[in-house]
Amino acid sequence: MYQEQPHVVLETVGDASGPRFDIGTKVCVRNRFLGNLSSGFEVTEVLHEGYRIRRVADGLTFPDVFPLDDVCLERRQEGERGSYLDREF
């Protein structure tokens, strides 16, 4: 299995050129193979170059850092399957 390596977490989040989401934020992630968005993830680390992401279903934290532009806020509506995005890509 993957082991998490310690990284420095940014203290300032939300400026125009940097990360926008805090640790624990539910997000959608761009699928690198199909190009569409997948829901069911959360931010586990915030880095200058992007985010480290955990899949909520099984708790797996991916070793890759996801670029800022490949992550967006997940907004689910009750009773609907899928996610509604906070912004467009």
PDB file of N, CA and C in Angstrom:
ATOM      1  N   MET A   1       0.830  -1.193   0.000  1.00  0.00           N
ATOM      2  CA  MET A   1       0.000   0.000   0.000  1.00  0.00           C
ATOM      3  C   MET A   1       0.865   1.244   0.000  1.00  0.00           C
ATOM      4  N   TYR A   2       0.222   2.358  -0.270  1.00  0.00           N
ATOM      5  CA  TYR A   2       0.925   3.634  -0.296  1.00  0.00           C
ATOM      6  C   TYR A   2       1.137   4.138   1.122  1.00  0.00           C
ATOM      7  N   GLN A   3       2.295   4.729   1.346  1.00  0.00           N
ATOM      8  CA  GLN A   3       2.551   5.357   2.629  1.00  0.00           C
ATOM      9  C   GLN A   3       2.565   6.859   2.421  1.00  0.00           C
ATOM     10  N   GLU A   4       1.919   7.548   3.326  1.00  0.00           N
ATOM     11  CA  GLU A   4       1.894   8.996   3.230  1.00  0.00           C
ATOM     12  C   GLU A   4       3.225   9.545   3.704  1.00  0.00           C
ATOM     13  N   GLN A   5       3.769  10.496   2.961  1.00  0.00           N
ATOM     14  CA  GLN A   5       4.994  11.159   3.342  1.00  0.00           C
ATOM     15  C   GLN A   5       4.643  12.549   3.835  1.00  0.00           C
ATOM     16  N   PRO A   6       5.342  13.007   4.886  1.00  0.00           N
ATOM     17  CA  PRO A   6       5.011  14.337   5.413  1.00  0.00           C
ATOM     18  C   PRO A   6       5.370  15.433   4.433  1.00  0.00           C
ATOM     19  N   HIS A   7       4.503  16.425   4.348  1.00  0.00           N
ATOM     20  CA  HIS A   7       4.716  17.599   3.511  1.00  0.00           C
ATOM     21  C   HIS A   7       4.357  18.828   4.315  1.00  0.00           C
ATOM     22  N   VAL A   8       4.917  19.934   3.951  1.00  0.00           N
ATOM     23  CA  VAL A   8       4.582  21.191   4.608  1.00  0.00           C
ATOM     24  C   VAL A   8       3.232  21.655   4.080  1.00  0.00           C
ATOM     25  N   VAL A   9       2.314  21.920   4.964  1.00  0.00           N
ATOM     26  CA  VAL A   9       0.987  22.396   4.584  1.00  0.00           C
ATOM     27  C   VAL A   9       1.006  23.916   4.605  1.00  0.00           C
ATOM     28  N   LEU A  10       0.475  24.522   3.565  1.00  0.00           N
ATOM     29  CA  LEU A  10       0.451  25.982   3.474  1.00  0.00           C
ATOM     30  C   LEU A  10      -0.477  26.558   4.527  1.00  0.00           C
ATOM     31  N   GLU A  11      -0.097  27.674   5.073  1.00  0.00           N
ATOM     32  CA  GLU A  11      -0.953  28.333   6.054  1.00  0.00           C
ATOM     33  C   GLU A  11      -1.954  29.266   5.395  1.00  0.00           C
ATOM     34  N   THR A  12      -1.588  29.861   4.273  1.00  0.00           N
ATOM     35  CA  THR A  12      -2.517  30.750   3.579  1.00  0.00           C
ATOM     36  C   THR A  12      -3.142  30.004   2.421  1.00  0.00           C
ATOM     37  N   VAL A  13      -4.450  29.949   2.413  1.00  0.00           N
ATOM     38  CA  VAL A  13      -5.190  29.242   1.381  1.00  0.00           C
ATOM     39  C   VAL A  13      -6.200  30.202   0.786  1.00  0.00           C
ATOM     40  N   GLY A  14      -6.284  30.214  -0.567  1.00  0.00           N
ATOM     41  CA  GLY A  14      -7.344  30.981  -1.174  1.00  0.00           C
ATOM     42  C   GLY A  14      -6.916  32.159  -2.019  1.00  0.00           C
ATOM     43  N   ASP A  15      -5.608  32.441  -2.139  1.00  0.00           N
ATOM     44  CA  ASP A  15      -5.245  33.546  -3.023  1.00  0.00           C
ATOM     45  C   ASP A  15      -5.452  33.129  -4.473  1.00  0.00           C
ATOM     46  N   ALA A  16      -5.487  34.089  -5.389  1.00  0.00           N
ATOM     47  CA  ALA A  16      -5.842  33.832  -6.786  1.00  0.00           C
ATOM     48  C   ALA A  16      -4.901  32.866  -7.478  1.00  0.00           C
ATOM     49  N   SER A  17      -3.627  32.857  -7.119  1.00  0.00           N
ATOM     50  CA  SER A  17      -2.665  32.005  -7.815  1.00  0.00           C
ATOM     51  C   SER A  17      -2.384  30.700  -7.087  1.00  0.00           C
ATOM     52  N   GLY A  18      -2.875  30.546  -5.891  1.00  0.00           N
ATOM     53  CA  GLY A  18      -2.558  29.373  -5.085  1.00  0.00           C
ATOM     54  C   GLY A  18      -3.765  28.507  -4.795  1.00  0.00           C
ATOM     55  N   PRO A  19      -3.598  27.570  -3.870  1.00  0.00           N
ATOM     56  CA  PRO A  19      -4.675  26.646  -3.514  1.00  0.00           C
ATOM     57  C   PRO A  19      -5.919  27.370  -3.012  1.00  0.00           C
ATOM     58  N   ARG A  20      -7.081  26.748  -3.251  1.00  0.00           N
ATOM     59  CA  ARG A  20      -8.355  27.349  -2.883  1.00  0.00           C
ATOM     60  C   ARG A  20      -9.098  26.577  -1.802  1.00  0.00           C
ATOM     61  N   PHE A  21      -8.719  25.331  -1.555  1.00  0.00           N
ATOM     62  CA  PHE A  21      -9.489  24.481  -0.646  1.00  0.00           C
ATOM     63  C   PHE A  21      -8.666  24.069   0.566  1.00  0.00           C
ATOM     64  N   ASP A  22      -9.337  23.952   1.696  1.00  0.00           N
ATOM     65  CA  ASP A  22      -8.702  23.525   2.940  1.00  0.00           C
ATOM     66  C   ASP A  22      -8.719  22.005   3.064  1.00  0.00           C
ATOM     67  N   ILE A  23      -7.922  21.493   3.968  1.00  0.00           N
ATOM     68  CA  ILE A  23      -7.903  20.065   4.265  1.00  0.00           C
ATOM     69  C   ILE A  23      -9.300  19.652   4.722  1.00  0.00           C
ATOM     70  N   GLY A  24      -9.778  18.517   4.202  1.00  0.00           N
ATOM     71  CA  GLY A  24     -11.095  18.007   4.549  1.00  0.00           C
ATOM     72  C   GLY A  24     -12.201  18.428   3.604  1.00  0.00           C
ATOM     73  N   THR A  25     -11.921  19.359   2.696  1.00  0.00           N
ATOM     74  CA  THR A  25     -12.922  19.812   1.736  1.00  0.00           C
ATOM     75  C   THR A  25     -13.272  18.690   0.766  1.00  0.00           C
ATOM     76  N   LYS A  26     -14.553  18.434   0.557  1.00  0.00           N
ATOM     77  CA  LYS A  26     -15.016  17.442  -0.417  1.00  0.00           C
ATOM     78  C   LYS A  26     -14.854  18.033  -1.808  1.00  0.00           C
ATOM     79  N   VAL A  27     -14.191  17.283  -2.688  1.00  0.00           N
ATOM     80  CA  VAL A  27     -13.875  17.791  -4.020  1.00  0.00           C
ATOM     81  C   VAL A  27     -14.158  16.765  -5.108  1.00  0.00           C
ATOM     82  N   CYS A  28     -14.215  17.265  -6.343  1.00  0.00           N
ATOM     83  CA  CYS A  28     -14.219  16.440  -7.545  1.00  0.00           C
ATOM     84  C   CYS A  28     -12.834  16.551  -8.155  1.00  0.00           C
ATOM     85  N   VAL A  29     -12.397  15.481  -8.800  1.00  0.00           N
ATOM     86  CA  VAL A  29     -11.062  15.428  -9.377  1.00  0.00           C
ATOM     87  C   VAL A  29     -11.171  15.053 -10.848  1.00  0.00           C
ATOM     88  N   ARG A  30     -10.383  15.729 -11.686  1.00  0.00           N
ATOM     89  CA  ARG A  30     -10.375  15.412 -13.116  1.00  0.00           C
ATOM     90  C   ARG A  30      -9.724  14.049 -13.323  1.00  0.00           C
ATOM     91  N   ASN A  31     -10.442  13.173 -14.038  1.00  0.00           N
ATOM     92  CA  ASN A  31      -9.934  11.857 -14.393  1.00  0.00           C
ATOM     93  C   ASN A  31      -8.871  12.039 -15.470  1.00  0.00           C
ATOM     94  N   ARG A  32      -7.667  11.599 -15.218  1.00  0.00           N
ATOM     95  CA  ARG A  32      -6.554  11.831 -16.140  1.00  0.00           C
ATOM     96  C   ARG A  32      -6.670  11.033 -17.432  1.00  0.00           C
ATOM     97  N   PHE A  33      -7.463   9.985 -17.436  1.00  0.00           N
ATOM     98  CA  PHE A  33      -7.603   9.153 -18.625  1.00  0.00           C
ATOM     99  C   PHE A  33      -8.763   9.609 -19.504  1.00  0.00           C
ATOM    100  N   LEU A  34      -9.892   9.931 -18.890  1.00  0.00           N
ATOM    101  CA  LEU A  34     -11.086  10.299 -19.643  1.00  0.00           C
ATOM    102  C   LEU A  34     -11.301  11.801 -19.729  1.00  0.00           C
ATOM    103  N   GLY A  35     -10.718  12.557 -18.813  1.00  0.00           N
ATOM    104  CA  GLY A  35     -10.874  14.002 -18.823  1.00  0.00           C
ATOM    105  C   GLY A  35     -12.121  14.513 -18.127  1.00  0.00           C
ATOM    106  N   ASN A  36     -12.989  13.607 -17.664  1.00  0.00           N
ATOM    107  CA  ASN A  36     -14.194  14.052 -16.960  1.00  0.00           C
ATOM    108  C   ASN A  36     -13.902  14.183 -15.464  1.00  0.00           C
ATOM    109  N   LEU A  37     -14.892  14.621 -14.691  1.00  0.00           N
ATOM    110  CA  LEU A  37     -14.720  14.809 -13.257  1.00  0.00           C
ATOM    111  C   LEU A  37     -15.329  13.649 -12.485  1.00  0.00           C
ATOM    112  N   SER A  38     -14.643  13.249 -11.423  1.00  0.00           N
ATOM    113  CA  SER A  38     -15.123  12.190 -10.546  1.00  0.00           C
ATOM    114  C   SER A  38     -15.303  12.762  -9.153  1.00  0.00           C
ATOM    115  N   SER A  39     -16.419  12.428  -8.518  1.00  0.00           N
ATOM    116  CA  SER A  39     -16.683  12.903  -7.160  1.00  0.00           C
ATOM    117  C   SER A  39     -16.294  11.826  -6.153  1.00  0.00           C
ATOM    118  N   GLY A  40     -16.385  12.175  -4.868  1.00  0.00           N
ATOM    119  CA  GLY A  40     -16.108  11.214  -3.810  1.00  0.00           C
ATOM    120  C   GLY A  40     -14.698  11.305  -3.255  1.00  0.00           C
ATOM    121  N   PHE A  41     -14.116  12.495  -3.282  1.00  0.00           N
ATOM    122  CA  PHE A  41     -12.754  12.692  -2.802  1.00  0.00           C
ATOM    123  C   PHE A  41     -12.717  13.835  -1.805  1.00  0.00           C
ATOM    124  N   GLU A  42     -11.631  13.894  -1.009  1.00  0.00           N
ATOM    125  CA  GLU A  42     -11.419  15.012  -0.111  1.00  0.00           C
ATOM    126  C   GLU A  42      -9.948  15.378  -0.081  1.00  0.00           C
ATOM    127  N   VAL A  43      -9.683  16.627   0.241  1.00  0.00           N
ATOM    128  CA  VAL A  43      -8.314  17.136   0.312  1.00  0.00           C
ATOM    129  C   VAL A  43      -7.667  16.665   1.609  1.00  0.00           C
ATOM    130  N   THR A  44      -6.451  16.090   1.507  1.00  0.00           N
ATOM    131  CA  THR A  44      -5.720  15.677   2.704  1.00  0.00           C
ATOM    132  C   THR A  44      -4.484  16.531   2.949  1.00  0.00           C
ATOM    133  N   GLU A  45      -3.936  17.133   1.890  1.00  0.00           N
ATOM    134  CA  GLU A  45      -2.797  18.033   2.023  1.00  0.00           C
ATOM    135  C   GLU A  45      -2.919  19.155   1.005  1.00  0.00           C
ATOM    136  N   VAL A  46      -2.471  20.336   1.395  1.00  0.00           N
ATOM    137  CA  VAL A  46      -2.471  21.488   0.509  1.00  0.00           C
ATOM    138  C   VAL A  46      -1.014  21.872   0.287  1.00  0.00           C
ATOM    139  N   LEU A  47      -0.596  21.841  -0.982  1.00  0.00           N
ATOM    140  CA  LEU A  47       0.780  22.151  -1.346  1.00  0.00           C
ATOM    141  C   LEU A  47       0.803  23.294  -2.352  1.00  0.00           C
ATOM    142  N   HIS A  48       1.953  23.904  -2.551  1.00  0.00           N
ATOM    143  CA  HIS A  48       2.054  24.989  -3.536  1.00  0.00           C
ATOM    144  C   HIS A  48       1.634  24.526  -4.924  1.00  0.00           C
ATOM    145  N   GLU A  49       2.002  23.303  -5.291  1.00  0.00           N
ATOM    146  CA  GLU A  49       1.751  22.813  -6.649  1.00  0.00           C
ATOM    147  C   GLU A  49       0.402  22.124  -6.815  1.00  0.00           C
ATOM    148  N   GLY A  50      -0.327  21.900  -5.735  1.00  0.00           N
ATOM    149  CA  GLY A  50      -1.634  21.257  -5.851  1.00  0.00           C
ATOM    150  C   GLY A  50      -2.095  20.623  -4.554  1.00  0.00           C
ATOM    151  N   TYR A  51      -2.841  19.547  -4.689  1.00  0.00           N
ATOM    152  CA  TYR A  51      -3.451  18.879  -3.536  1.00  0.00           C
ATOM    153  C   TYR A  51      -3.098  17.398  -3.508  1.00  0.00           C
ATOM    154  N   ARG A  52      -3.005  16.855  -2.313  1.00  0.00           N
ATOM    155  CA  ARG A  52      -2.985  15.410  -2.150  1.00  0.00           C
ATOM    156  C   ARG A  52      -4.421  15.051  -1.788  1.00  0.00           C
ATOM    157  N   ILE A  53      -4.934  13.993  -2.416  1.00  0.00           N
ATOM    158  CA  ILE A  53      -6.357  13.652  -2.368  1.00  0.00           C
ATOM    159  C   ILE A  53      -6.580  12.253  -1.790  1.00  0.00           C
ATOM    160  N   ARG A  54      -7.664  12.106  -1.014  1.00  0.00           N
ATOM    161  CA  ARG A  54      -8.075  10.806  -0.462  1.00  0.00           C
ATOM    162  C   ARG A  54      -9.427  10.448  -1.056  1.00  0.00           C
ATOM    163  N   ARG A  55      -9.567   9.164  -1.446  1.00  0.00           N
ATOM    164  CA  ARG A  55     -10.864   8.654  -1.906  1.00  0.00           C
ATOM    165  C   ARG A  55     -11.682   8.325  -0.665  1.00  0.00           C
ATOM    166  N   VAL A  56     -12.845   8.929  -0.544  1.00  0.00           N
ATOM    167  CA  VAL A  56     -13.678   8.783   0.648  1.00  0.00           C
ATOM    168  C   VAL A  56     -14.166   7.346   0.826  1.00  0.00           C
ATOM    169  N   ALA A  57     -14.494   6.664  -0.254  1.00  0.00           N
ATOM    170  CA  ALA A  57     -15.090   5.319  -0.181  1.00  0.00           C
ATOM    171  C   ALA A  57     -14.233   4.322   0.588  1.00  0.00           C
ATOM    172  N   ASP A  58     -12.911   4.363   0.385  1.00  0.00           N
ATOM    173  CA  ASP A  58     -12.057   3.376   1.049  1.00  0.00           C
ATOM    174  C   ASP A  58     -10.905   3.990   1.839  1.00  0.00           C
ATOM    175  N   GLY A  59     -10.822   5.319   1.868  1.00  0.00           N
ATOM    176  CA  GLY A  59      -9.798   5.986   2.654  1.00  0.00           C
ATOM    177  C   GLY A  59      -8.414   6.016   2.025  1.00  0.00           C
ATOM    178  N   LEU A  60      -8.277   5.566   0.776  1.00  0.00           N
ATOM    179  CA  LEU A  60      -6.991   5.539   0.106  1.00  0.00           C
ATOM    180  C   LEU A  60      -6.541   6.957  -0.234  1.00  0.00           C
ATOM    181  N   THR A  61      -5.343   7.334   0.219  1.00  0.00           N
ATOM    182  CA  THR A  61      -4.740   8.603  -0.158  1.00  0.00           C
ATOM    183  C   THR A  61      -3.811   8.340  -1.327  1.00  0.00           C
ATOM    184  N   PHE A  62      -4.034   9.043  -2.424  1.00  0.00           N
ATOM    185  CA  PHE A  62      -3.219   8.857  -3.618  1.00  0.00           C
ATOM    186  C   PHE A  62      -1.856   9.500  -3.416  1.00  0.00           C
ATOM    187  N   PRO A  63      -0.804   8.868  -3.910  1.00  0.00           N
ATOM    188  CA  PRO A  63       0.544   9.419  -3.729  1.00  0.00           C
ATOM    189  C   PRO A  63       0.818  10.628  -4.613  1.00  0.00           C
ATOM    190  N   ASP A  64       0.083  10.771  -5.707  1.00  0.00           N
ATOM    191  CA  ASP A  64       0.300  11.878  -6.634  1.00  0.00           C
ATOM    192  C   ASP A  64      -0.238  13.186  -6.059  1.00  0.00           C
ATOM    193  N   VAL A  65       0.343  14.276  -6.511  1.00  0.00           N
ATOM    194  CA  VAL A  65      -0.183  15.604  -6.202  1.00  0.00           C
ATOM    195  C   VAL A  65      -1.024  16.028  -7.392  1.00  0.00           C
ATOM    196  N   PHE A  66      -2.281  16.368  -7.139  1.00  0.00           N
ATOM    197  CA  PHE A  66      -3.201  16.775  -8.195  1.00  0.00           C
ATOM    198  C   PHE A  66      -3.069  18.276  -8.416  1.00  0.00           C
ATOM    199  N   PRO A  67      -2.844  18.703  -9.659  1.00  0.00           N
ATOM    200  CA  PRO A  67      -2.714  20.138  -9.950  1.00  0.00           C
ATOM    201  C   PRO A  67      -3.967  20.909  -9.540  1.00  0.00           C
ATOM    202  N   LEU A  68      -3.779  22.165  -9.186  1.00  0.00           N
ATOM    203  CA  LEU A  68      -4.884  23.018  -8.739  1.00  0.00           C
ATOM    204  C   LEU A  68      -6.043  23.027  -9.726  1.00  0.00           C
ATOM    205  N   ASP A  69      -5.745  23.056 -11.014  1.00  0.00           N
ATOM    206  CA  ASP A  69      -6.791  23.133 -12.033  1.00  0.00           C
ATOM    207  C   ASP A  69      -7.542  21.825 -12.247  1.00  0.00           C
ATOM    208  N   ASP A  70      -7.080  20.731 -11.657  1.00  0.00           N
ATOM    209  CA  ASP A  70      -7.753  19.438 -11.800  1.00  0.00           C
ATOM    210  C   ASP A  70      -8.651  19.110 -10.615  1.00  0.00           C
ATOM    211  N   VAL A  71      -8.827  20.058  -9.700  1.00  0.00           N
ATOM    212  CA  VAL A  71      -9.626  19.835  -8.497  1.00  0.00           C
ATOM    213  C   VAL A  71     -10.641  20.967  -8.377  1.00  0.00           C
ATOM    214  N   CYS A  72     -11.913  20.612  -8.136  1.00  0.00           N
ATOM    215  CA  CYS A  72     -12.933  21.635  -7.921  1.00  0.00           C
ATOM    216  C   CYS A  72     -13.860  21.203  -6.789  1.00  0.00           C
ATOM    217  N   LEU A  73     -14.573  22.153  -6.262  1.00  0.00           N
ATOM    218  CA  LEU A  73     -15.469  21.916  -5.133  1.00  0.00           C
ATOM    219  C   LEU A  73     -16.598  20.977  -5.530  1.00  0.00           C
ATOM    220  N   GLU A  74     -16.880  20.001  -4.679  1.00  0.00           N
ATOM    221  CA  GLU A  74     -18.005  19.096  -4.902  1.00  0.00           C
ATOM    222  C   GLU A  74     -19.228  19.677  -4.209  1.00  0.00           C
ATOM    223  N   ARG A  75     -20.290  19.795  -4.975  1.00  0.00           N
ATOM    224  CA  ARG A  75     -21.557  20.268  -4.407  1.00  0.00           C
ATOM    225  C   ARG A  75     -22.627  19.270  -4.785  1.00  0.00           C
ATOM    226  N   ARG A  76     -23.031  18.459  -3.843  1.00  0.00           N
ATOM    227  CA  ARG A  76     -24.072  17.460  -4.101  1.00  0.00           C
ATOM    228  C   ARG A  76     -25.424  18.007  -3.671  1.00  0.00           C
ATOM    229  N   GLN A  77     -26.433  17.617  -4.427  1.00  0.00           N
ATOM    230  CA  GLN A  77     -27.793  17.947  -4.041  1.00  0.00           C
ATOM    231  C   GLN A  77     -28.444  16.670  -3.519  1.00  0.00           C
ATOM    232  N   GLU A  78     -29.180  16.809  -2.447  1.00  0.00           N
ATOM    233  CA  GLU A  78     -29.823  15.660  -1.814  1.00  0.00           C
ATOM    234  C   GLU A  78     -30.718  14.929  -2.802  1.00  0.00           C
ATOM    235  N   GLY A  79     -30.607  13.605  -2.843  1.00  0.00           N
ATOM    236  CA  GLY A  79     -31.456  12.800  -3.700  1.00  0.00           C
ATOM    237  C   GLY A  79     -30.954  12.653  -5.121  1.00  0.00           C
ATOM    238  N   GLU A  80     -29.912  13.343  -5.490  1.00  0.00           N
ATOM    239  CA  GLU A  80     -29.355  13.259  -6.841  1.00  0.00           C
ATOM    240  C   GLU A  80     -28.052  12.481  -6.792  1.00  0.00           C
ATOM    241  N   ARG A  81     -27.755  11.725  -7.826  1.00  0.00           N
ATOM    242  CA  ARG A  81     -26.476  11.038  -7.905  1.00  0.00           C
ATOM    243  C   ARG A  81     -25.557  11.887  -8.779  1.00  0.00           C
ATOM    244  N   GLY A  82     -24.300  11.938  -8.415  1.00  0.00           N
ATOM    245  CA  GLY A  82     -23.354  12.756  -9.176  1.00  0.00           C
ATOM    246  C   GLY A  82     -23.047  14.033  -8.427  1.00  0.00           C
ATOM    247  N   SER A  83     -22.324  14.919  -9.065  1.00  0.00           N
ATOM    248  CA  SER A  83     -21.943  16.150  -8.368  1.00  0.00           C
ATOM    249  C   SER A  83     -22.253  17.357  -9.241  1.00  0.00           C
ATOM    250  N   TYR A  84     -22.412  18.450  -8.585  1.00  0.00           N
ATOM    251  CA  TYR A  84     -22.652  19.719  -9.243  1.00  0.00           C
ATOM    252  C   TYR A  84     -21.479  20.603  -8.912  1.00  0.00           C
ATOM    253  N   LEU A  85     -20.876  21.171  -9.918  1.00  0.00           N
ATOM    254  CA  LEU A  85     -19.614  21.849  -9.752  1.00  0.00           C
ATOM    255  C   LEU A  85     -19.799  23.318  -9.396  1.00  0.00           C
ATOM    256  N   ASP A  86     -18.868  23.796  -8.616  1.00  0.00           N
ATOM    257  CA  ASP A  86     -18.853  25.189  -8.199  1.00  0.00           C
ATOM    258  C   ASP A  86     -18.373  26.098  -9.329  1.00  0.00           C
ATOM    259  N   ARG A  87     -17.571  25.554 -10.244  1.00  0.00           N
ATOM    260  CA  ARG A  87     -17.051  26.352 -11.340  1.00  0.00           C
ATOM    261  C   ARG A  87     -16.821  25.448 -12.535  1.00  0.00           C
ATOM    262  N   GLU A  88     -16.636  26.050 -13.679  1.00  0.00           N
ATOM    263  CA  GLU A  88     -16.348  25.282 -14.884  1.00  0.00           C
ATOM    264  C   GLU A  88     -14.867  25.294 -15.137  1.00  0.00           C
ATOM    265  N   PHE A  89     -14.398  24.309 -15.878  1.00  0.00           N
ATOM    266  CA  PHE A  89     -12.982  24.231 -16.239  1.00  0.00           C
ATOM    267  C   PHE A  89     -12.770  24.854 -17.585  1.00  0.00           C
TER     268      PHE A  89
END
